[in-house]
Every structure is written in structure tokens, then in C-alpha cells.
Amino acid sequence: MEKLRVQKILADAGYCSRRRAEALIEAGKVKCNGHPVRIGDKALPTDLLTVDGERVYIPRKKEFRYIMLNKPRGYVTTLSDEQGRRCVTDLLEGIDQRVYPIGRLDRNSEGLLLFTNDGNFANGIMHPSRQVSKTYRVTVRPPVSEEQLAKMAAGVELDDGFKTAPANIVEKVSEPTRVVLLVTIHEGKKREVRRMCDAVGLEIVRLRRISIGPVKLGMLKPGEWRDLTSEELRALRTAIGRGEKK
């Protein structure tokens, strides 16, 4: 039996995403057969892996699940919350498998959020090198200038000094009380679209993610979820593959 990196084993088991597994390892929370694990360490699926002393069960045969949710405002994108706030997983009633969100939407944002217990799939969606697009419908308060939109499209420096990659910005609605933009990015920085708007002086009224790669939110109502179709899965895997070849 081949040894695998511990973060891959945890992700494939559906415990968490690979990035989250790496963070847990770096924090010293993961042990293999009683010994602390470091980034890069490998193990067998039959080894005893624990996180904070809790055993992680590795299923022999994995049944993967791929779900989309229309996240409402007011929910945090975590599996549990120490402050007692409502979590997105509270909305996933009737799901037997342990699934986790692919990426995040902040508490005041809404829209398309994907869940899975397939670690490789989740990593492919989130990894910046795959450049899987995310499109947001952003309502801002006017006025909005061409200069502001051009700066966002070209890439702006965020509050931490990070320079965003070029984005696609389309003005869909321009009214005296609101302006609606479609913002498409290929990165996954924390609260990136909000911070891009802040960087050019735009005040966001509403932010809703409407697509991830080729998969669109469609008519799914807030708080509702459904399994991805086989066609949507194929399209997402194709998008991940295109990014891998670049």
C-alpha cells in the first residue's frame, strides 16, 4: 500500500479541505500513530490519524458528494462557530456524508457555495493555478466612474499590499440609487471583491456570487441546496483541467 501525504489523506477522507489540513498540521494539531505530523510527512490510510486527539476515520470505499447551496446573508462559512452564529452546514439537512465548503463567502455575502467530500476536486477548484473563475453580482452606491472600473479591471493593490490580477468588470445597471456590476475574478483571496471595491472607493450594498466556473446559481432559492448534475461536474472538471495545463 502506497504512503500518501497526510493532508491528502485527511482531504480524501472528507475531514476538511487540503488547505485546512495543512493549516491544522502547521498548528501542531495532527498526529500519526501518536507522533506529531509535519508538512510533507506521509502515512498509510491504515495508520491512526488524530486531529486534536480525535480519531479521523478513513473509509475504505469513498462515496463522493458534490452539492451547491444558495447561501443567504447572515450565515458564516464554517462547520461550527464558537460564537454561536448560524453556519452554512445548518442548511444542509438530510445529507449523510460529512461535506465541507469549497472556499468561502463572508457572513454578509450570499449566493453560490459548493460543498464536497472529495479533497482533490475541492483543491482543484480553489487552487489559484487552476484559475477557475468566480462571478459576482455586486450592487454599489453611485456615483461610479469609468476610472474606478478601469482600476478594478486592471488590478488594484489591496490593504495588505497584494496586487490583484486583472478582472472582468461589466456595468449591468446604472440608476440614480444603485449601480450593478458583474465582477469576474480567477483568484481566491479572502473577501477579495469587497476589498477591491474598497480600494477604489466603492460602497457595496449587496454582493452575491452567481457562478463558479461554468456552474451557475440559476433559480435555486436562498437557503436551498441540490446535488450537482453529472453535466455540471464534467464541466467543472474540464475547467480545472484547463487551468492545470496552463
C-alpha atoms as a PDB file:
ATOM      1  CA  MET A   1       0.000   0.000   0.000  1.00  0.00           C
ATOM      2  CA  GLU A   2       1.369   3.391  -1.028  1.00  0.00           C
ATOM      3  CA  LYS A   3       2.018   6.111   1.521  1.00  0.00           C
ATOM      4  CA  LEU A   4       0.332   9.463   0.866  1.00  0.00           C
ATOM      5  CA  ARG A   5       0.825  12.952   2.231  1.00  0.00           C
ATOM      6  CA  VAL A   6      -1.169  13.353   5.423  1.00  0.00           C
ATOM      7  CA  GLN A   7      -3.038  16.436   4.160  1.00  0.00           C
ATOM      8  CA  LYS A   8      -4.208  14.436   1.148  1.00  0.00           C
ATOM      9  CA  ILE A   9      -5.429  11.574   3.338  1.00  0.00           C
ATOM     10  CA  LEU A  10      -7.422  13.989   5.518  1.00  0.00           C
ATOM     11  CA  ALA A  11      -8.911  15.717   2.473  1.00  0.00           C
ATOM     12  CA  ASP A  12      -9.765  12.466   0.691  1.00  0.00           C
ATOM     13  CA  ALA A  13     -11.436  11.226   3.869  1.00  0.00           C
ATOM     14  CA  GLY A  14     -13.742  14.238   3.773  1.00  0.00           C
ATOM     15  CA  TYR A  15     -12.450  15.588   7.090  1.00  0.00           C
ATOM     16  CA  CYS A  16     -11.570  19.005   5.640  1.00  0.00           C
ATOM     17  CA  SER A  17     -10.046  20.654   2.587  1.00  0.00           C
ATOM     18  CA  ARG A  18      -6.360  20.142   1.821  1.00  0.00           C
ATOM     19  CA  ARG A  19      -5.571  23.753   2.687  1.00  0.00           C
ATOM     20  CA  ARG A  20      -7.334  23.395   6.031  1.00  0.00           C
ATOM     21  CA  ALA A  21      -5.460  20.148   6.674  1.00  0.00           C
ATOM     22  CA  GLU A  22      -2.151  21.925   6.051  1.00  0.00           C
ATOM     23  CA  ALA A  23      -3.148  24.655   8.499  1.00  0.00           C
ATOM     24  CA  LEU A  24      -4.018  22.045  11.139  1.00  0.00           C
ATOM     25  CA  ILE A  25      -0.660  20.328  10.598  1.00  0.00           C
ATOM     26  CA  GLU A  26       1.243  23.613  10.890  1.00  0.00           C
ATOM     27  CA  ALA A  27      -0.647  24.338  14.135  1.00  0.00           C
ATOM     28  CA  GLY A  28       0.566  21.014  15.557  1.00  0.00           C
ATOM     29  CA  LYS A  29      -2.923  19.565  15.870  1.00  0.00           C
ATOM     30  CA  VAL A  30      -2.383  16.444  13.711  1.00  0.00           C
ATOM     31  CA  LYS A  31      -0.699  13.230  14.887  1.00  0.00           C
ATOM     32  CA  CYS A  32       0.040   9.963  13.130  1.00  0.00           C
ATOM     33  CA  ASN A  33       0.261   6.922  15.411  1.00  0.00           C
ATOM     34  CA  GLY A  34       0.764   9.303  18.321  1.00  0.00           C
ATOM     35  CA  HIS A  35       3.565  11.355  16.731  1.00  0.00           C
ATOM     36  CA  PRO A  36       3.189  14.985  15.582  1.00  0.00           C
ATOM     37  CA  VAL A  37       2.931  15.412  11.816  1.00  0.00           C
ATOM     38  CA  ARG A  38       4.841  18.000   9.808  1.00  0.00           C
ATOM     39  CA  ILE A  39       4.058  19.344   6.341  1.00  0.00           C
ATOM     40  CA  GLY A  40       5.314  16.815   3.800  1.00  0.00           C
ATOM     41  CA  ASP A  41       5.013  13.794   6.086  1.00  0.00           C
ATOM     42  CA  LYS A  42       3.386  10.730   4.589  1.00  0.00           C
ATOM     43  CA  ALA A  43       1.267   7.966   6.082  1.00  0.00           C
ATOM     44  CA  LEU A  44      -0.749   4.925   5.166  1.00  0.00           C
ATOM     45  CA  PRO A  45      -4.546   5.139   5.061  1.00  0.00           C
ATOM     46  CA  THR A  46      -4.481   2.396   7.705  1.00  0.00           C
ATOM     47  CA  ASP A  47      -2.391   4.494  10.156  1.00  0.00           C
ATOM     48  CA  LEU A  48      -4.029   6.103  13.179  1.00  0.00           C
ATOM     49  CA  LEU A  49      -4.522   9.788  12.373  1.00  0.00           C
ATOM     50  CA  THR A  50      -5.873  12.161  15.007  1.00  0.00           C
ATOM     51  CA  VAL A  51      -6.768  15.861  14.986  1.00  0.00           C
ATOM     52  CA  ASP A  52      -6.822  17.462  18.433  1.00  0.00           C
ATOM     53  CA  GLY A  53      -6.888  13.939  19.855  1.00  0.00           C
ATOM     54  CA  GLU A  54      -9.961  12.928  17.841  1.00  0.00           C
ATOM     55  CA  ARG A  55      -9.511   9.965  15.526  1.00  0.00           C
ATOM     56  CA  VAL A  56     -10.108  10.522  11.836  1.00  0.00           C
ATOM     57  CA  TYR A  57     -11.801   7.522  10.259  1.00  0.00           C
ATOM     58  CA  ILE A  58     -10.614   6.712   6.756  1.00  0.00           C
ATOM     59  CA  PRO A  59     -13.341   4.938   4.770  1.00  0.00           C
ATOM     60  CA  ARG A  60     -12.231   2.025   2.614  1.00  0.00           C
ATOM     61  CA  LYS A  61     -14.516   2.997  -0.235  1.00  0.00           C
ATOM     62  CA  LYS A  62     -15.410   6.632  -0.611  1.00  0.00           C
ATOM     63  CA  GLU A  63     -18.794   7.824  -1.849  1.00  0.00           C
ATOM     64  CA  PHE A  64     -18.204  11.342  -3.055  1.00  0.00           C
ATOM     65  CA  ARG A  65     -20.868  14.045  -2.871  1.00  0.00           C
ATOM     66  CA  TYR A  66     -20.987  17.343  -4.786  1.00  0.00           C
ATOM     67  CA  ILE A  67     -23.522  19.938  -3.649  1.00  0.00           C
ATOM     68  CA  MET A  68     -24.456  23.528  -4.434  1.00  0.00           C
ATOM     69  CA  LEU A  69     -26.120  25.846  -1.913  1.00  0.00           C
ATOM     70  CA  ASN A  70     -27.604  29.301  -2.309  1.00  0.00           C
ATOM     71  CA  LYS A  71     -26.109  30.844   0.820  1.00  0.00           C
ATOM     72  CA  PRO A  72     -28.277  33.526   2.446  1.00  0.00           C
ATOM     73  CA  ARG A  73     -26.828  36.506   4.245  1.00  0.00           C
ATOM     74  CA  GLY A  74     -26.227  36.048   7.965  1.00  0.00           C
ATOM     75  CA  TYR A  75     -24.538  32.642   7.776  1.00  0.00           C
ATOM     76  CA  VAL A  76     -20.810  32.021   8.325  1.00  0.00           C
ATOM     77  CA  THR A  77     -18.925  29.614   6.080  1.00  0.00           C
ATOM     78  CA  THR A  78     -17.660  27.224   8.751  1.00  0.00           C
ATOM     79  CA  LEU A  79     -18.581  23.772  10.007  1.00  0.00           C
ATOM     80  CA  SER A  80     -19.117  25.149  13.524  1.00  0.00           C
ATOM     81  CA  ASP A  81     -18.815  28.526  15.220  1.00  0.00           C
ATOM     82  CA  GLU A  82     -17.595  29.255  18.742  1.00  0.00           C
ATOM     83  CA  GLN A  83     -19.682  32.455  18.843  1.00  0.00           C
ATOM     84  CA  GLY A  84     -22.883  30.562  18.203  1.00  0.00           C
ATOM     85  CA  ARG A  85     -23.536  32.157  14.816  1.00  0.00           C
ATOM     86  CA  ARG A  86     -25.517  30.315  12.168  1.00  0.00           C
ATOM     87  CA  CYS A  87     -23.320  28.122   9.944  1.00  0.00           C
ATOM     88  CA  VAL A  88     -23.887  27.163   6.315  1.00  0.00           C
ATOM     89  CA  THR A  89     -23.852  23.478   7.267  1.00  0.00           C
ATOM     90  CA  ASP A  90     -27.023  24.102   9.321  1.00  0.00           C
ATOM     91  CA  LEU A  91     -28.810  24.399   5.971  1.00  0.00           C
ATOM     92  CA  LEU A  92     -27.657  21.004   4.660  1.00  0.00           C
ATOM     93  CA  GLU A  93     -30.369  18.837   6.146  1.00  0.00           C
ATOM     94  CA  GLY A  94     -30.669  15.220   5.065  1.00  0.00           C
ATOM     95  CA  ILE A  95     -27.035  14.748   3.999  1.00  0.00           C
ATOM     96  CA  ASP A  96     -25.444  11.630   5.490  1.00  0.00           C
ATOM     97  CA  GLN A  97     -21.888  12.314   4.343  1.00  0.00           C
ATOM     98  CA  ARG A  98     -19.621  14.826   6.038  1.00  0.00           C
ATOM     99  CA  VAL A  99     -19.104  17.546   3.423  1.00  0.00           C
ATOM    100  CA  TYR A 100     -17.269  20.852   3.710  1.00  0.00           C
ATOM    101  CA  PRO A 101     -17.432  24.128   1.774  1.00  0.00           C
ATOM    102  CA  ILE A 102     -15.147  24.766  -1.186  1.00  0.00           C
ATOM    103  CA  GLY A 103     -13.860  28.257  -0.465  1.00  0.00           C
ATOM    104  CA  ARG A 104     -15.829  30.849   1.448  1.00  0.00           C
ATOM    105  CA  LEU A 105     -18.433  33.568   1.325  1.00  0.00           C
ATOM    106  CA  ASP A 106     -18.309  36.053   4.195  1.00  0.00           C
ATOM    107  CA  ARG A 107     -21.250  36.462   6.543  1.00  0.00           C
ATOM    108  CA  ASN A 108     -22.790  39.396   4.663  1.00  0.00           C
ATOM    109  CA  SER A 109     -22.320  37.881   1.209  1.00  0.00           C
ATOM    110  CA  GLU A 110     -24.688  35.440  -0.447  1.00  0.00           C
ATOM    111  CA  GLY A 111     -25.039  33.159  -3.437  1.00  0.00           C
ATOM    112  CA  LEU A 112     -23.363  30.084  -4.855  1.00  0.00           C
ATOM    113  CA  LEU A 113     -21.363  27.921  -2.466  1.00  0.00           C
ATOM    114  CA  LEU A 114     -20.132  24.432  -3.340  1.00  0.00           C
ATOM    115  CA  PHE A 115     -19.657  21.553  -0.881  1.00  0.00           C
ATOM    116  CA  THR A 116     -17.934  18.190  -1.267  1.00  0.00           C
ATOM    117  CA  ASN A 117     -16.069  15.404   0.498  1.00  0.00           C
ATOM    118  CA  ASP A 118     -13.727  14.981  -2.497  1.00  0.00           C
ATOM    119  CA  GLY A 119     -10.447  16.600  -1.471  1.00  0.00           C
ATOM    120  CA  ASN A 120      -8.832  16.535  -4.916  1.00  0.00           C
ATOM    121  CA  PHE A 121     -11.875  18.158  -6.506  1.00  0.00           C
ATOM    122  CA  ALA A 122     -12.011  20.876  -3.828  1.00  0.00           C
ATOM    123  CA  ASN A 123      -8.312  21.614  -4.197  1.00  0.00           C
ATOM    124  CA  GLY A 124      -8.703  21.903  -7.972  1.00  0.00           C
ATOM    125  CA  ILE A 125     -11.474  24.478  -7.606  1.00  0.00           C
ATOM    126  CA  MET A 126      -9.632  26.560  -5.006  1.00  0.00           C
ATOM    127  CA  HIS A 127      -6.027  26.455  -6.198  1.00  0.00           C
ATOM    128  CA  PRO A 128      -5.079  29.769  -7.866  1.00  0.00           C
ATOM    129  CA  SER A 129      -3.043  27.996 -10.560  1.00  0.00           C
ATOM    130  CA  ARG A 130      -6.211  26.398 -11.988  1.00  0.00           C
ATOM    131  CA  GLN A 131      -7.791  29.831 -12.493  1.00  0.00           C
ATOM    132  CA  VAL A 132     -11.373  28.651 -12.098  1.00  0.00           C
ATOM    133  CA  SER A 133     -13.456  31.812 -12.497  1.00  0.00           C
ATOM    134  CA  LYS A 134     -15.914  33.173  -9.918  1.00  0.00           C
ATOM    135  CA  THR A 135     -18.514  35.752 -10.948  1.00  0.00           C
ATOM    136  CA  TYR A 136     -20.259  38.099  -8.518  1.00  0.00           C
ATOM    137  CA  ARG A 137     -23.246  40.383  -8.945  1.00  0.00           C
ATOM    138  CA  VAL A 138     -22.261  43.452  -6.944  1.00  0.00           C
ATOM    139  CA  THR A 139     -24.641  46.293  -6.130  1.00  0.00           C
ATOM    140  CA  VAL A 140     -22.861  49.529  -5.167  1.00  0.00           C
ATOM    141  CA  ARG A 141     -23.954  53.049  -4.334  1.00  0.00           C
ATOM    142  CA  PRO A 142     -23.471  55.648  -7.055  1.00  0.00           C
ATOM    143  CA  PRO A 143     -21.689  57.513  -8.375  1.00  0.00           C
ATOM    144  CA  VAL A 144     -19.353  55.085 -10.149  1.00  0.00           C
ATOM    145  CA  SER A 145     -16.727  56.421 -12.539  1.00  0.00           C
ATOM    146  CA  GLU A 146     -15.095  54.805 -15.538  1.00  0.00           C
ATOM    147  CA  GLU A 147     -11.759  55.353 -13.792  1.00  0.00           C
ATOM    148  CA  GLN A 148     -12.834  53.271 -10.796  1.00  0.00           C
ATOM    149  CA  LEU A 149     -13.985  50.406 -13.018  1.00  0.00           C
ATOM    150  CA  ALA A 150     -10.815  50.571 -15.102  1.00  0.00           C
ATOM    151  CA  LYS A 151      -8.651  50.346 -11.977  1.00  0.00           C
ATOM    152  CA  MET A 152     -10.528  47.255 -10.754  1.00  0.00           C
ATOM    153  CA  ALA A 153     -10.269  45.640 -14.169  1.00  0.00           C
ATOM    154  CA  ALA A 154      -6.528  46.270 -14.414  1.00  0.00           C
ATOM    155  CA  GLY A 155      -5.809  45.023 -10.879  1.00  0.00           C
ATOM    156  CA  VAL A 156      -5.628  47.008  -7.651  1.00  0.00           C
ATOM    157  CA  GLU A 157      -3.471  46.927  -4.554  1.00  0.00           C
ATOM    158  CA  LEU A 158      -5.386  45.629  -1.534  1.00  0.00           C
ATOM    159  CA  ASP A 159      -4.994  46.723   2.085  1.00  0.00           C
ATOM    160  CA  ASP A 160      -2.323  44.070   2.702  1.00  0.00           C
ATOM    161  CA  GLY A 161      -0.223  45.099  -0.306  1.00  0.00           C
ATOM    162  CA  PHE A 162      -1.402  42.231  -2.533  1.00  0.00           C
ATOM    163  CA  LYS A 163      -1.945  43.250  -6.179  1.00  0.00           C
ATOM    164  CA  THR A 164      -4.970  41.566  -7.706  1.00  0.00           C
ATOM    165  CA  ALA A 165      -4.854  40.000 -11.161  1.00  0.00           C
ATOM    166  CA  PRO A 166      -6.848  41.603 -13.974  1.00  0.00           C
ATOM    167  CA  ALA A 167     -10.609  41.117 -13.590  1.00  0.00           C
ATOM    168  CA  ASN A 168     -13.574  41.356 -15.923  1.00  0.00           C
ATOM    169  CA  ILE A 169     -15.917  44.189 -14.884  1.00  0.00           C
ATOM    170  CA  VAL A 170     -19.273  44.752 -16.608  1.00  0.00           C
ATOM    171  CA  GLU A 171     -21.718  47.506 -15.651  1.00  0.00           C
ATOM    172  CA  LYS A 172     -25.187  45.919 -15.919  1.00  0.00           C
ATOM    173  CA  VAL A 173     -27.418  48.543 -14.305  1.00  0.00           C
ATOM    174  CA  SER A 174     -26.872  52.256 -13.747  1.00  0.00           C
ATOM    175  CA  GLU A 175     -29.627  54.054 -11.855  1.00  0.00           C
ATOM    176  CA  PRO A 176     -29.718  57.133  -9.589  1.00  0.00           C
ATOM    177  CA  THR A 177     -29.908  54.933  -6.467  1.00  0.00           C
ATOM    178  CA  ARG A 178     -27.777  51.918  -7.451  1.00  0.00           C
ATOM    179  CA  VAL A 179     -25.222  50.545  -9.869  1.00  0.00           C
ATOM    180  CA  VAL A 180     -24.993  46.808 -10.517  1.00  0.00           C
ATOM    181  CA  LEU A 181     -21.673  45.310 -11.630  1.00  0.00           C
ATOM    182  CA  LEU A 182     -20.717  41.816 -12.748  1.00  0.00           C
ATOM    183  CA  VAL A 183     -17.232  41.117 -11.397  1.00  0.00           C
ATOM    184  CA  THR A 184     -15.334  38.013 -12.544  1.00  0.00           C
ATOM    185  CA  ILE A 185     -12.085  37.032 -10.829  1.00  0.00           C
ATOM    186  CA  HIS A 186      -9.790  34.000 -11.035  1.00  0.00           C
ATOM    187  CA  GLU A 187      -8.260  34.205  -7.573  1.00  0.00           C
ATOM    188  CA  GLY A 188      -9.498  33.311  -4.112  1.00  0.00           C
ATOM    189  CA  LYS A 189      -8.125  35.912  -1.715  1.00  0.00           C
ATOM    190  CA  LYS A 190     -10.195  36.444   1.428  1.00  0.00           C
ATOM    191  CA  ARG A 191     -13.046  38.912   0.768  1.00  0.00           C
ATOM    192  CA  GLU A 192     -11.293  39.853  -2.466  1.00  0.00           C
ATOM    193  CA  VAL A 193     -14.195  41.516  -4.292  1.00  0.00           C
ATOM    194  CA  ARG A 194     -15.154  43.592  -1.247  1.00  0.00           C
ATOM    195  CA  ARG A 195     -11.556  44.684  -0.797  1.00  0.00           C
ATOM    196  CA  MET A 196     -11.233  45.524  -4.499  1.00  0.00           C
ATOM    197  CA  CYS A 197     -14.251  47.806  -4.216  1.00  0.00           C
ATOM    198  CA  ASP A 198     -12.866  49.372  -1.030  1.00  0.00           C
ATOM    199  CA  ALA A 199      -9.575  50.027  -2.819  1.00  0.00           C
ATOM    200  CA  VAL A 200     -11.265  52.224  -5.438  1.00  0.00           C
ATOM    201  CA  GLY A 201     -13.776  53.843  -3.075  1.00  0.00           C
ATOM    202  CA  LEU A 202     -16.950  51.919  -3.993  1.00  0.00           C
ATOM    203  CA  GLU A 203     -19.516  51.194  -1.264  1.00  0.00           C
ATOM    204  CA  ILE A 204     -21.103  47.740  -1.577  1.00  0.00           C
ATOM    205  CA  VAL A 205     -24.802  47.361  -0.836  1.00  0.00           C
ATOM    206  CA  ARG A 206     -25.152  43.718  -1.851  1.00  0.00           C
ATOM    207  CA  LEU A 207     -22.735  41.027  -3.009  1.00  0.00           C
ATOM    208  CA  ARG A 208     -23.930  37.741  -4.488  1.00  0.00           C
ATOM    209  CA  ARG A 209     -21.842  35.041  -6.192  1.00  0.00           C
ATOM    210  CA  ILE A 210     -23.715  33.802  -9.232  1.00  0.00           C
ATOM    211  CA  SER A 211     -21.278  31.329 -10.806  1.00  0.00           C
ATOM    212  CA  ILE A 212     -18.173  29.230 -10.212  1.00  0.00           C
ATOM    213  CA  GLY A 213     -16.534  28.250 -13.476  1.00  0.00           C
ATOM    214  CA  PRO A 214     -19.298  27.020 -15.802  1.00  0.00           C
ATOM    215  CA  VAL A 215     -21.743  26.283 -12.952  1.00  0.00           C
ATOM    216  CA  LYS A 216     -24.417  28.936 -12.413  1.00  0.00           C
ATOM    217  CA  LEU A 217     -26.615  29.547  -9.364  1.00  0.00           C
ATOM    218  CA  GLY A 218     -29.710  29.696 -11.542  1.00  0.00           C
ATOM    219  CA  MET A 219     -33.120  29.692  -9.838  1.00  0.00           C
ATOM    220  CA  LEU A 220     -32.047  27.981  -6.607  1.00  0.00           C
ATOM    221  CA  LYS A 221     -33.749  29.823  -3.740  1.00  0.00           C
ATOM    222  CA  PRO A 222     -31.801  31.255  -0.752  1.00  0.00           C
ATOM    223  CA  GLY A 223     -31.161  28.545   1.825  1.00  0.00           C
ATOM    224  CA  GLU A 224     -31.851  25.691  -0.607  1.00  0.00           C
ATOM    225  CA  TRP A 225     -29.337  23.120  -1.872  1.00  0.00           C
ATOM    226  CA  ARG A 226     -29.125  20.410  -4.506  1.00  0.00           C
ATOM    227  CA  ASP A 227     -26.613  17.917  -5.854  1.00  0.00           C
ATOM    228  CA  LEU A 228     -24.611  18.971  -8.884  1.00  0.00           C
ATOM    229  CA  THR A 229     -25.655  17.256 -12.090  1.00  0.00           C
ATOM    230  CA  SER A 230     -23.277  14.967 -13.978  1.00  0.00           C
ATOM    231  CA  GLU A 231     -23.067  17.621 -16.702  1.00  0.00           C
ATOM    232  CA  GLU A 232     -22.067  20.300 -14.183  1.00  0.00           C
ATOM    233  CA  LEU A 233     -19.422  18.005 -12.695  1.00  0.00           C
ATOM    234  CA  ARG A 234     -17.944  17.263 -16.100  1.00  0.00           C
ATOM    235  CA  ALA A 235     -17.852  20.966 -16.933  1.00  0.00           C
ATOM    236  CA  LEU A 236     -16.115  21.827 -13.645  1.00  0.00           C
ATOM    237  CA  ARG A 237     -13.540  19.067 -14.097  1.00  0.00           C
ATOM    238  CA  THR A 238     -12.874  20.347 -17.606  1.00  0.00           C
ATOM    239  CA  ALA A 239     -12.333  23.865 -16.223  1.00  0.00           C
ATOM    240  CA  ILE A 240      -9.944  22.506 -13.591  1.00  0.00           C
ATOM    241  CA  GLY A 241      -8.067  20.558 -16.268  1.00  0.00           C
ATOM    242  CA  ARG A 242      -7.673  23.613 -18.489  1.00  0.00           C
ATOM    243  CA  GLY A 243      -6.077  25.505 -15.621  1.00  0.00           C
ATOM    244  CA  GLU A 244      -3.730  22.592 -14.910  1.00  0.00           C
ATOM    245  CA  LYS A 245      -2.392  22.656 -18.489  1.00  0.00           C
ATOM    246  CA  LYS A 246      -1.582  26.399 -18.494  1.00  0.00           C
END
